[in-house]
C-alpha atoms as a PDB file:
ATOM      1  CA  UNK A   1     117.509 106.690  83.197  1.00  0.00           C
ATOM      2  CA  UNK A   2     116.125 106.122  86.826  1.00  0.00           C
ATOM      3  CA  UNK A   3     114.802 102.621  87.253  1.00  0.00           C
ATOM      4  CA  UNK A   4     113.030 101.388  90.377  1.00  0.00           C
ATOM      5  CA  UNK A   5     111.625  98.267  91.070  1.00  0.00           C
ATOM      6  CA  UNK A   6     108.373  99.501  92.544  1.00  0.00           C
ATOM      7  CA  UNK A   7     108.343 103.173  91.091  1.00  0.00           C
ATOM      8  CA  UNK A   8     105.007 104.632  90.812  1.00  0.00           C
ATOM      9  CA  UNK A   9     103.954 107.203  88.278  1.00  0.00           C
ATOM     10  CA  UNK A  10     104.250 110.258  90.648  1.00  0.00           C
ATOM     11  CA  UNK A  11     107.862 109.311  91.227  1.00  0.00           C
ATOM     12  CA  UNK A  12     108.581 108.861  87.675  1.00  0.00           C
ATOM     13  CA  UNK A  13     107.167 112.545  86.912  1.00  0.00           C
ATOM     14  CA  UNK A  14     109.346 113.851  89.707  1.00  0.00           C
ATOM     15  CA  UNK A  15     112.695 112.433  87.612  1.00  0.00           C
ATOM     16  CA  UNK A  16     111.372 114.160  84.502  1.00  0.00           C
ATOM     17  CA  UNK A  17     112.795 117.766  83.624  1.00  0.00           C
ATOM     18  CA  UNK A  18     110.367 120.503  83.206  1.00  0.00           C
ATOM     19  CA  UNK A  19     110.921 122.058  79.811  1.00  0.00           C
ATOM     20  CA  UNK A  20     109.363 125.236  78.169  1.00  0.00           C
ATOM     21  CA  UNK A  21     106.672 123.051  76.145  1.00  0.00           C
ATOM     22  CA  UNK A  22     103.689 121.233  76.562  1.00  0.00           C
ATOM     23  CA  UNK A  23     105.399 118.122  78.150  1.00  0.00           C
ATOM     24  CA  UNK A  24     106.985 120.275  80.435  1.00  0.00           C
ATOM     25  CA  UNK A  25     103.674 122.117  81.181  1.00  0.00           C
ATOM     26  CA  UNK A  26     102.186 118.578  82.034  1.00  0.00           C
ATOM     27  CA  UNK A  27     105.301 117.761  84.166  1.00  0.00           C
ATOM     28  CA  UNK A  28     104.990 120.916  86.121  1.00  0.00           C
ATOM     29  CA  UNK A  29     101.186 120.850  86.720  1.00  0.00           C
ATOM     30  CA  UNK A  30     101.491 116.983  87.780  1.00  0.00           C
ATOM     31  CA  UNK A  31     104.211 117.691  90.289  1.00  0.00           C
ATOM     32  CA  UNK A  32     102.271 120.540  91.753  1.00  0.00           C
ATOM     33  CA  UNK A  33      98.982 118.394  91.986  1.00  0.00           C
ATOM     34  CA  UNK A  34      98.559 116.638  95.475  1.00  0.00           C
ATOM     35  CA  UNK A  35      95.599 114.838  94.352  1.00  0.00           C
ATOM     36  CA  UNK A  36      97.417 113.133  91.053  1.00  0.00           C
ATOM     37  CA  UNK A  37      96.595 109.459  91.717  1.00  0.00           C
ATOM     38  CA  UNK A  38      99.257 106.632  92.433  1.00  0.00           C
ATOM     39  CA  UNK A  39      97.791 105.239  89.284  1.00  0.00           C
ATOM     40  CA  UNK A  40      98.731 101.510  88.289  1.00  0.00           C
ATOM     41  CA  UNK A  41      97.054 101.749  84.916  1.00  0.00           C
ATOM     42  CA  UNK A  42      96.573 104.433  82.317  1.00  0.00           C
ATOM     43  CA  UNK A  43      92.855 103.972  82.517  1.00  0.00           C
ATOM     44  CA  UNK A  44      93.136 105.365  86.010  1.00  0.00           C
ATOM     45  CA  UNK A  45      95.376 108.441  85.213  1.00  0.00           C
ATOM     46  CA  UNK A  46      93.171 109.240  82.251  1.00  0.00           C
ATOM     47  CA  UNK A  47      89.908 109.247  84.451  1.00  0.00           C
ATOM     48  CA  UNK A  48      91.318 111.317  86.981  1.00  0.00           C
ATOM     49  CA  UNK A  49      92.599 113.757  84.251  1.00  0.00           C
ATOM     50  CA  UNK A  50      89.031 113.833  82.596  1.00  0.00           C
ATOM     51  CA  UNK A  51      86.624 113.729  85.567  1.00  0.00           C
ATOM     52  CA  UNK A  52      88.666 115.633  88.350  1.00  0.00           C
ATOM     53  CA  UNK A  53      91.280 117.595  86.624  1.00  0.00           C
ATOM     54  CA  UNK A  54      89.186 118.971  83.597  1.00  0.00           C
ATOM     55  CA  UNK A  55      92.409 118.294  81.720  1.00  0.00           C
ATOM     56  CA  UNK A  56      92.539 119.607  78.003  1.00  0.00           C
ATOM     57  CA  UNK A  57      93.074 117.342  75.316  1.00  0.00           C
ATOM     58  CA  UNK A  58      96.741 118.479  74.839  1.00  0.00           C
ATOM     59  CA  UNK A  59      97.543 117.663  78.390  1.00  0.00           C
ATOM     60  CA  UNK A  60      96.234 114.176  78.163  1.00  0.00           C
ATOM     61  CA  UNK A  61      98.040 113.386  75.102  1.00  0.00           C
ATOM     62  CA  UNK A  62     101.170 114.567  76.779  1.00  0.00           C
ATOM     63  CA  UNK A  63     100.125 112.518  79.943  1.00  0.00           C
ATOM     64  CA  UNK A  64      99.750 109.513  77.589  1.00  0.00           C
ATOM     65  CA  UNK A  65     103.187 110.008  76.122  1.00  0.00           C
ATOM     66  CA  UNK A  66     104.847 110.244  79.489  1.00  0.00           C
ATOM     67  CA  UNK A  67     102.853 107.049  80.641  1.00  0.00           C
ATOM     68  CA  UNK A  68     104.340 105.107  77.724  1.00  0.00           C
ATOM     69  CA  UNK A  69     107.736 106.116  78.749  1.00  0.00           C
ATOM     70  CA  UNK A  70     107.022 105.017  82.435  1.00  0.00           C
ATOM     71  CA  UNK A  71     105.580 101.843  81.212  1.00  0.00           C
ATOM     72  CA  UNK A  72     108.846 101.271  79.009  1.00  0.00           C
ATOM     73  CA  UNK A  73     110.998 101.744  82.196  1.00  0.00           C
ATOM     74  CA  UNK A  74     109.092  99.511  84.428  1.00  0.00           C
ATOM     75  CA  UNK A  75     110.634  96.062  85.173  1.00  0.00           C
END
């Protein structure tokens, strides 16, 4: 597990493995999105996904799961 004192969500996503499932799809899409915000709170990321990325409900579920993992790794 990679731990960084000030890691952001984009950096966290860059350490996740892209797999052939919905989680991997979200990770690949997030890595490729230059507009993905450096969110400090889930609500910031969720707002971006809903308003600017037009993300489907499954993408938002996967984002939330990854956000929860990110939160657990933060010091």
